[in-house]
């Protein structure tokens, strides 16, 4: 029951932090947030197919494939805040992603195993780190492209 509450909290609570941003920031960074959720959904689909990890707990019926609390909660909103604080500062963006991705791969995911939420199977922590770190550059390129569209408004 406690794990279920933690998963619900990581889905819902991060969205409340957006009240600390202004409408202009939400307009500017929400496209990259949504794009990130799409990419994480695709990564979870690939992970399910190749059994990179196994999800043992879920908060929605399709959660055996996608960790909804992560992909649409803390990871998505975390992306919003990373872009808010590092926009136009690529070295800071890369460094912050290096740190957060390493934390996720080497600390959080092993903790999920301890909590019985998920376990690595056919992917090693350093491989997962590479996947999400490379993803951060794809997201950055998308954001830069999106910013050009935003400026033309």
N, C-alpha and C. Protein backbone atom coordinates (compact mmCIF):
# COMPACT_ATOMS: atom_id res chain seq x y z
N UNK A 1 0.83 -1.20 0.00
CA UNK A 1 0.00 0.00 0.00
C UNK A 1 0.87 1.25 0.00
N UNK A 2 1.96 1.25 0.77
CA UNK A 2 2.84 2.41 0.84
C UNK A 2 3.49 2.68 -0.52
N UNK A 3 3.87 1.63 -1.23
CA UNK A 3 4.48 1.78 -2.55
C UNK A 3 3.48 2.43 -3.50
N UNK A 4 2.22 2.02 -3.41
CA UNK A 4 1.18 2.61 -4.26
C UNK A 4 1.04 4.11 -3.99
N UNK A 5 1.09 4.50 -2.74
CA UNK A 5 1.00 5.91 -2.37
C UNK A 5 2.21 6.68 -2.89
N UNK A 6 3.39 6.09 -2.78
CA UNK A 6 4.61 6.73 -3.30
C UNK A 6 4.49 6.93 -4.80
N UNK A 7 4.01 5.92 -5.51
CA UNK A 7 3.88 6.03 -6.97
C UNK A 7 2.84 7.09 -7.35
N UNK A 8 1.73 7.13 -6.65
CA UNK A 8 0.73 8.17 -6.92
C UNK A 8 1.31 9.56 -6.63
N UNK A 9 2.08 9.67 -5.57
CA UNK A 9 2.68 10.96 -5.22
C UNK A 9 3.67 11.41 -6.29
N UNK A 10 4.46 10.48 -6.83
CA UNK A 10 5.43 10.87 -7.87
C UNK A 10 4.75 11.19 -9.20
N UNK A 11 3.51 10.76 -9.35
CA UNK A 11 2.73 11.14 -10.53
C UNK A 11 2.08 12.50 -10.36
N UNK A 12 1.47 12.74 -9.22
CA UNK A 12 0.62 13.92 -9.04
C UNK A 12 1.35 15.12 -8.45
N UNK A 13 2.11 14.93 -7.40
CA UNK A 13 2.71 16.06 -6.68
C UNK A 13 3.63 16.94 -7.54
N UNK A 14 4.46 16.36 -8.42
CA UNK A 14 5.32 17.24 -9.22
C UNK A 14 4.54 18.29 -10.03
N UNK A 15 3.35 17.95 -10.47
CA UNK A 15 2.57 18.89 -11.28
C UNK A 15 2.17 20.12 -10.47
N UNK A 16 2.02 19.98 -9.17
CA UNK A 16 1.68 21.14 -8.34
C UNK A 16 2.82 22.15 -8.27
N UNK A 17 4.05 21.70 -8.52
CA UNK A 17 5.18 22.65 -8.49
C UNK A 17 5.08 23.66 -9.63
N UNK A 18 4.31 23.35 -10.66
CA UNK A 18 4.18 24.28 -11.78
C UNK A 18 3.48 25.58 -11.38
N UNK A 19 2.80 25.57 -10.22
CA UNK A 19 2.20 26.80 -9.71
C UNK A 19 3.29 27.83 -9.35
N UNK A 20 4.53 27.36 -9.18
CA UNK A 20 5.64 28.26 -8.88
C UNK A 20 6.28 28.82 -10.15
N UNK A 21 5.71 28.51 -11.29
CA UNK A 21 6.17 29.09 -12.56
C UNK A 21 5.07 30.03 -13.05
N UNK A 22 5.44 30.89 -13.97
CA UNK A 22 4.42 31.80 -14.49
C UNK A 22 3.85 31.25 -15.80
N UNK A 23 2.72 31.77 -16.25
CA UNK A 23 2.09 31.25 -17.48
C UNK A 23 3.00 31.30 -18.70
N UNK A 24 3.82 32.31 -18.79
CA UNK A 24 4.74 32.41 -19.92
C UNK A 24 5.75 31.27 -19.91
N UNK A 25 6.26 30.92 -18.73
CA UNK A 25 7.20 29.79 -18.62
C UNK A 25 6.51 28.47 -18.95
N UNK A 26 5.29 28.32 -18.50
CA UNK A 26 4.56 27.09 -18.82
C UNK A 26 4.34 26.98 -20.33
N UNK A 27 4.02 28.08 -20.95
CA UNK A 27 3.84 28.08 -22.41
C UNK A 27 5.15 27.74 -23.12
N UNK A 28 6.24 28.26 -22.61
CA UNK A 28 7.54 28.07 -23.26
C UNK A 28 8.07 26.64 -23.09
N UNK A 29 7.89 26.05 -21.91
CA UNK A 29 8.53 24.76 -21.62
C UNK A 29 7.59 23.55 -21.63
N UNK A 30 6.30 23.77 -21.78
CA UNK A 30 5.38 22.64 -21.82
C UNK A 30 5.55 21.77 -23.07
N UNK A 31 5.84 22.34 -24.25
CA UNK A 31 6.06 21.46 -25.41
C UNK A 31 7.17 20.44 -25.19
N UNK A 32 8.30 20.86 -24.60
CA UNK A 32 9.39 19.92 -24.36
C UNK A 32 9.01 18.93 -23.27
N UNK A 33 8.20 19.34 -22.33
CA UNK A 33 7.71 18.44 -21.29
C UNK A 33 6.86 17.33 -21.90
N UNK A 34 5.96 17.69 -22.77
CA UNK A 34 5.09 16.72 -23.44
C UNK A 34 5.90 15.81 -24.36
N UNK A 35 6.84 16.40 -25.09
CA UNK A 35 7.71 15.61 -25.97
C UNK A 35 8.51 14.59 -25.17
N UNK A 36 8.99 15.00 -24.01
CA UNK A 36 9.73 14.10 -23.14
C UNK A 36 8.87 12.91 -22.71
N UNK A 37 7.62 13.19 -22.37
CA UNK A 37 6.71 12.10 -21.99
C UNK A 37 6.49 11.14 -23.15
N UNK A 38 6.37 11.67 -24.36
CA UNK A 38 6.23 10.81 -25.54
C UNK A 38 7.45 9.92 -25.71
N UNK A 39 8.63 10.53 -25.61
CA UNK A 39 9.86 9.74 -25.77
C UNK A 39 10.00 8.69 -24.67
N UNK A 40 9.65 9.04 -23.45
CA UNK A 40 9.72 8.06 -22.37
C UNK A 40 8.73 6.92 -22.59
N UNK A 41 7.57 7.23 -23.15
CA UNK A 41 6.60 6.19 -23.47
C UNK A 41 7.20 5.22 -24.49
N UNK A 42 7.86 5.75 -25.50
CA UNK A 42 8.51 4.91 -26.52
C UNK A 42 9.62 4.08 -25.89
N UNK A 43 10.42 4.68 -25.03
CA UNK A 43 11.50 3.94 -24.37
C UNK A 43 10.93 2.82 -23.50
N UNK A 44 9.85 3.10 -22.79
CA UNK A 44 9.23 2.04 -21.99
C UNK A 44 8.67 0.92 -22.87
N UNK A 45 8.17 1.25 -24.04
CA UNK A 45 7.68 0.22 -24.96
C UNK A 45 8.85 -0.65 -25.44
N UNK A 46 9.95 -0.02 -25.78
CA UNK A 46 11.15 -0.77 -26.19
C UNK A 46 11.64 -1.63 -25.02
N UNK A 47 11.68 -1.04 -23.84
CA UNK A 47 12.15 -1.76 -22.65
C UNK A 47 11.26 -2.97 -22.36
N UNK A 48 9.96 -2.81 -22.58
CA UNK A 48 9.04 -3.93 -22.35
C UNK A 48 9.32 -5.05 -23.36
N UNK A 49 9.49 -4.68 -24.61
CA UNK A 49 9.73 -5.67 -25.67
C UNK A 49 11.02 -6.44 -25.44
N UNK A 50 12.09 -5.73 -25.07
CA UNK A 50 13.39 -6.36 -24.88
C UNK A 50 13.69 -6.73 -23.42
N UNK A 51 12.68 -6.56 -22.57
CA UNK A 51 12.78 -6.88 -21.15
C UNK A 51 14.02 -6.25 -20.51
N UNK A 52 14.19 -4.95 -20.74
CA UNK A 52 15.29 -4.24 -20.10
C UNK A 52 15.08 -4.23 -18.60
N UNK A 53 13.84 -4.08 -18.21
CA UNK A 53 13.47 -4.14 -16.79
C UNK A 53 12.07 -4.70 -16.69
N UNK A 54 11.74 -5.14 -15.52
CA UNK A 54 10.41 -5.68 -15.26
C UNK A 54 9.74 -4.78 -14.21
N UNK A 55 8.53 -4.33 -14.52
CA UNK A 55 7.76 -3.52 -13.58
C UNK A 55 6.87 -4.46 -12.77
N UNK A 56 7.00 -4.42 -11.47
CA UNK A 56 6.24 -5.31 -10.59
C UNK A 56 5.01 -4.66 -9.99
N UNK A 57 5.03 -3.35 -9.88
CA UNK A 57 3.91 -2.60 -9.29
C UNK A 57 3.47 -1.55 -10.30
N UNK A 58 2.17 -1.28 -10.31
CA UNK A 58 1.65 -0.25 -11.20
C UNK A 58 0.42 0.40 -10.58
N UNK A 59 0.14 1.62 -11.05
CA UNK A 59 -1.02 2.34 -10.52
C UNK A 59 -2.15 2.42 -11.55
N UNK A 60 -1.89 1.93 -12.75
CA UNK A 60 -2.92 1.87 -13.80
C UNK A 60 -2.83 0.49 -14.46
N UNK A 61 -3.90 0.03 -15.09
CA UNK A 61 -3.89 -1.32 -15.68
C UNK A 61 -2.77 -1.56 -16.69
N UNK A 62 -2.38 -0.54 -17.46
CA UNK A 62 -1.33 -0.72 -18.45
C UNK A 62 0.05 -0.44 -17.86
N UNK A 63 0.14 -0.30 -16.56
CA UNK A 63 1.38 0.03 -15.89
C UNK A 63 2.43 -1.07 -15.93
N UNK A 64 2.06 -2.26 -16.34
CA UNK A 64 3.05 -3.32 -16.47
C UNK A 64 4.03 -3.00 -17.60
N UNK A 65 3.64 -2.08 -18.48
CA UNK A 65 4.48 -1.69 -19.61
C UNK A 65 5.17 -0.35 -19.39
N UNK A 66 4.44 0.59 -18.80
CA UNK A 66 4.95 1.96 -18.63
C UNK A 66 4.77 2.37 -17.16
N UNK A 67 5.85 2.83 -16.57
CA UNK A 67 5.74 3.37 -15.21
C UNK A 67 5.16 4.78 -15.35
N UNK A 68 3.86 4.85 -15.23
CA UNK A 68 3.12 6.09 -15.44
C UNK A 68 3.58 7.18 -14.46
N UNK A 69 3.82 6.81 -13.22
CA UNK A 69 4.22 7.80 -12.22
C UNK A 69 5.55 8.44 -12.58
N UNK A 70 6.42 7.70 -13.22
CA UNK A 70 7.72 8.23 -13.62
C UNK A 70 7.61 9.02 -14.93
N UNK A 71 7.09 8.36 -15.98
CA UNK A 71 7.07 8.97 -17.32
C UNK A 71 6.21 10.21 -17.41
N UNK A 72 5.09 10.22 -16.70
CA UNK A 72 4.15 11.34 -16.81
C UNK A 72 4.12 12.21 -15.55
N UNK A 73 4.96 11.88 -14.60
CA UNK A 73 5.00 12.63 -13.36
C UNK A 73 6.35 13.29 -13.16
N UNK A 74 7.16 12.65 -12.35
CA UNK A 74 8.40 13.27 -11.90
C UNK A 74 9.40 13.52 -13.04
N UNK A 75 9.48 12.63 -14.02
CA UNK A 75 10.42 12.83 -15.12
C UNK A 75 9.96 13.97 -16.02
N UNK A 76 8.68 14.00 -16.34
CA UNK A 76 8.15 15.06 -17.20
C UNK A 76 8.31 16.42 -16.55
N UNK A 77 7.86 16.54 -15.31
CA UNK A 77 7.93 17.83 -14.63
C UNK A 77 9.39 18.20 -14.32
N UNK A 78 10.19 17.21 -14.03
CA UNK A 78 11.62 17.47 -13.85
C UNK A 78 12.24 18.08 -15.09
N UNK A 79 11.83 17.60 -16.25
CA UNK A 79 12.30 18.17 -17.51
C UNK A 79 11.91 19.63 -17.62
N UNK A 80 10.66 19.94 -17.25
CA UNK A 80 10.20 21.33 -17.27
C UNK A 80 11.14 22.21 -16.46
N UNK A 81 11.44 21.80 -15.23
CA UNK A 81 12.27 22.62 -14.34
C UNK A 81 13.72 22.69 -14.80
N UNK A 82 14.23 21.60 -15.34
CA UNK A 82 15.60 21.64 -15.86
C UNK A 82 15.69 22.66 -16.99
N UNK A 83 14.72 22.67 -17.88
CA UNK A 83 14.75 23.65 -18.97
C UNK A 83 14.53 25.07 -18.46
N UNK A 84 13.69 25.22 -17.49
CA UNK A 84 13.45 26.57 -16.94
C UNK A 84 14.75 27.16 -16.39
N UNK A 85 15.52 26.35 -15.67
CA UNK A 85 16.71 26.87 -15.02
C UNK A 85 17.98 26.80 -15.87
N UNK A 86 17.95 26.05 -16.97
CA UNK A 86 19.17 25.92 -17.78
C UNK A 86 18.98 26.37 -19.22
N UNK A 87 17.83 26.93 -19.54
CA UNK A 87 17.60 27.39 -20.90
C UNK A 87 18.68 28.39 -21.30
N UNK A 88 19.22 28.23 -22.49
CA UNK A 88 20.28 29.07 -23.03
C UNK A 88 21.63 28.86 -22.31
N UNK A 89 21.75 27.79 -21.53
CA UNK A 89 23.00 27.50 -20.80
C UNK A 89 23.32 26.02 -21.02
N UNK A 90 23.73 25.67 -22.24
CA UNK A 90 23.92 24.27 -22.58
C UNK A 90 24.90 23.54 -21.66
N UNK A 91 26.06 24.11 -21.32
CA UNK A 91 26.95 23.36 -20.42
C UNK A 91 26.29 23.02 -19.08
N UNK A 92 25.53 23.95 -18.54
CA UNK A 92 24.81 23.69 -17.29
C UNK A 92 23.74 22.61 -17.51
N UNK A 93 23.03 22.69 -18.63
CA UNK A 93 22.01 21.69 -18.97
C UNK A 93 22.65 20.29 -19.04
N UNK A 94 23.77 20.17 -19.75
CA UNK A 94 24.43 18.87 -19.90
C UNK A 94 24.92 18.36 -18.55
N UNK A 95 25.51 19.24 -17.75
CA UNK A 95 26.02 18.82 -16.44
C UNK A 95 24.89 18.38 -15.52
N UNK A 96 23.81 19.14 -15.50
CA UNK A 96 22.67 18.79 -14.65
C UNK A 96 22.05 17.45 -15.08
N UNK A 97 21.96 17.22 -16.39
CA UNK A 97 21.44 15.94 -16.87
C UNK A 97 22.39 14.80 -16.55
N UNK A 98 23.67 15.04 -16.65
CA UNK A 98 24.65 14.02 -16.29
C UNK A 98 24.44 13.58 -14.84
N UNK A 99 24.28 14.56 -13.95
CA UNK A 99 24.10 14.26 -12.53
C UNK A 99 22.77 13.57 -12.26
N UNK A 100 21.67 14.12 -12.79
CA UNK A 100 20.36 13.54 -12.51
C UNK A 100 20.19 12.17 -13.16
N UNK A 101 20.73 12.00 -14.36
CA UNK A 101 20.64 10.70 -15.03
C UNK A 101 21.46 9.64 -14.30
N UNK A 102 22.64 10.02 -13.83
CA UNK A 102 23.46 9.09 -13.04
C UNK A 102 22.75 8.72 -11.74
N UNK A 103 22.17 9.72 -11.09
CA UNK A 103 21.41 9.47 -9.86
C UNK A 103 20.27 8.48 -10.12
N UNK A 104 19.58 8.68 -11.23
CA UNK A 104 18.46 7.80 -11.58
C UNK A 104 18.95 6.37 -11.85
N UNK A 105 19.99 6.25 -12.66
CA UNK A 105 20.46 4.93 -13.08
C UNK A 105 21.13 4.15 -11.96
N UNK A 106 21.90 4.84 -11.13
CA UNK A 106 22.74 4.13 -10.17
C UNK A 106 22.20 4.16 -8.74
N UNK A 107 21.22 5.00 -8.46
CA UNK A 107 20.67 5.07 -7.11
C UNK A 107 19.17 4.77 -7.09
N UNK A 108 18.40 5.49 -7.89
CA UNK A 108 16.94 5.35 -7.84
C UNK A 108 16.48 3.99 -8.35
N UNK A 109 16.96 3.58 -9.53
CA UNK A 109 16.48 2.29 -10.05
C UNK A 109 16.86 1.11 -9.16
N UNK A 110 18.07 1.06 -8.60
CA UNK A 110 18.33 -0.01 -7.62
C UNK A 110 17.40 0.08 -6.41
N UNK A 111 17.05 1.29 -6.00
CA UNK A 111 16.12 1.47 -4.89
C UNK A 111 14.73 0.92 -5.27
N UNK A 112 14.34 1.11 -6.52
CA UNK A 112 13.05 0.56 -6.98
C UNK A 112 13.04 -0.96 -6.87
N UNK A 113 14.19 -1.58 -7.06
CA UNK A 113 14.30 -3.02 -6.88
C UNK A 113 14.07 -3.39 -5.42
N UNK A 114 14.68 -2.64 -4.52
CA UNK A 114 14.52 -2.89 -3.09
C UNK A 114 13.05 -2.73 -2.67
N UNK A 115 12.38 -1.73 -3.25
CA UNK A 115 10.97 -1.49 -2.93
C UNK A 115 10.02 -2.45 -3.64
N UNK A 116 10.57 -3.26 -4.54
CA UNK A 116 9.74 -4.23 -5.26
C UNK A 116 8.93 -3.62 -6.39
N UNK A 117 9.33 -2.45 -6.87
CA UNK A 117 8.60 -1.78 -7.94
C UNK A 117 9.09 -2.24 -9.31
N UNK A 118 10.41 -2.31 -9.47
CA UNK A 118 10.99 -2.69 -10.77
C UNK A 118 12.37 -3.28 -10.55
N UNK A 119 12.80 -4.11 -11.51
CA UNK A 119 14.15 -4.66 -11.48
C UNK A 119 14.74 -4.61 -12.87
N UNK A 120 16.05 -4.33 -12.92
CA UNK A 120 16.77 -4.44 -14.18
C UNK A 120 16.77 -5.90 -14.60
N UNK A 121 16.69 -6.15 -15.91
CA UNK A 121 16.79 -7.52 -16.37
C UNK A 121 17.84 -7.64 -17.48
N UNK A 122 17.55 -7.08 -18.65
CA UNK A 122 18.46 -7.20 -19.78
C UNK A 122 19.17 -5.90 -20.11
N UNK A 123 19.33 -5.06 -19.13
CA UNK A 123 20.07 -3.81 -19.31
C UNK A 123 20.82 -3.55 -18.01
N UNK A 124 22.03 -3.09 -18.15
CA UNK A 124 22.84 -2.75 -16.97
C UNK A 124 22.61 -1.28 -16.62
N UNK A 125 22.86 -0.92 -15.38
CA UNK A 125 22.65 0.48 -14.99
C UNK A 125 23.38 1.49 -15.88
N UNK A 126 24.62 1.20 -16.27
CA UNK A 126 25.36 2.14 -17.10
C UNK A 126 24.73 2.25 -18.49
N UNK A 127 24.12 1.16 -18.98
CA UNK A 127 23.44 1.22 -20.28
C UNK A 127 22.18 2.07 -20.19
N UNK A 128 21.44 1.92 -19.09
CA UNK A 128 20.26 2.76 -18.88
C UNK A 128 20.69 4.23 -18.79
N UNK A 129 21.77 4.48 -18.08
CA UNK A 129 22.29 5.84 -17.98
C UNK A 129 22.56 6.41 -19.37
N UNK A 130 23.21 5.64 -20.24
CA UNK A 130 23.50 6.12 -21.59
C UNK A 130 22.22 6.41 -22.37
N UNK A 131 21.21 5.56 -22.22
CA UNK A 131 19.95 5.77 -22.92
C UNK A 131 19.33 7.10 -22.51
N UNK A 132 19.21 7.35 -21.22
CA UNK A 132 18.53 8.58 -20.81
C UNK A 132 19.42 9.81 -20.98
N UNK A 133 20.74 9.63 -20.93
CA UNK A 133 21.62 10.78 -21.17
C UNK A 133 21.58 11.19 -22.64
N UNK A 134 21.60 10.23 -23.53
CA UNK A 134 21.45 10.54 -24.97
C UNK A 134 20.08 11.16 -25.22
N UNK A 135 19.06 10.65 -24.55
CA UNK A 135 17.72 11.22 -24.67
C UNK A 135 17.72 12.71 -24.32
N UNK A 136 18.52 13.11 -23.35
CA UNK A 136 18.54 14.52 -22.96
C UNK A 136 19.02 15.41 -24.11
N UNK A 137 19.89 14.91 -24.95
CA UNK A 137 20.36 15.70 -26.10
C UNK A 137 19.29 15.77 -27.20
N UNK A 138 18.57 14.70 -27.38
CA UNK A 138 17.44 14.71 -28.33
C UNK A 138 16.40 15.73 -27.88
N UNK A 139 16.12 15.71 -26.59
CA UNK A 139 15.15 16.65 -26.02
C UNK A 139 15.65 18.09 -26.18
N UNK A 140 16.93 18.30 -25.99
CA UNK A 140 17.50 19.65 -26.13
C UNK A 140 17.36 20.15 -27.56
N UNK A 141 17.65 19.29 -28.52
CA UNK A 141 17.52 19.68 -29.94
C UNK A 141 16.07 20.03 -30.25
N UNK A 142 15.14 19.22 -29.76
CA UNK A 142 13.72 19.51 -29.96
C UNK A 142 13.37 20.87 -29.35
N UNK A 143 13.84 21.11 -28.15
CA UNK A 143 13.54 22.38 -27.47
C UNK A 143 14.08 23.57 -28.27
N UNK A 144 15.29 23.45 -28.78
CA UNK A 144 15.87 24.54 -29.58
C UNK A 144 15.02 24.79 -30.83
N UNK A 145 14.59 23.75 -31.48
CA UNK A 145 13.71 23.88 -32.63
C UNK A 145 12.40 24.54 -32.23
N UNK A 146 11.85 24.10 -31.12
CA UNK A 146 10.59 24.65 -30.61
C UNK A 146 10.75 26.13 -30.25
N UNK A 147 11.90 26.51 -29.72
CA UNK A 147 12.14 27.90 -29.35
C UNK A 147 12.10 28.81 -30.57
N UNK A 148 12.58 28.33 -31.70
CA UNK A 148 12.52 29.14 -32.93
C UNK A 148 11.07 29.39 -33.32
N UNK A 149 10.24 28.38 -33.16
CA UNK A 149 8.81 28.55 -33.45
C UNK A 149 8.19 29.52 -32.47
N UNK A 150 8.57 29.38 -31.21
CA UNK A 150 8.04 30.24 -30.15
C UNK A 150 8.40 31.70 -30.40
N UNK A 151 9.62 31.95 -30.83
CA UNK A 151 10.07 33.32 -31.08
C UNK A 151 9.32 33.97 -32.24
N UNK A 152 8.84 33.15 -33.16
CA UNK A 152 8.14 33.71 -34.32
C UNK A 152 6.71 34.09 -34.00
N UNK A 153 6.22 33.68 -32.81
CA UNK A 153 4.84 34.05 -32.42
C UNK A 153 4.72 35.55 -32.17
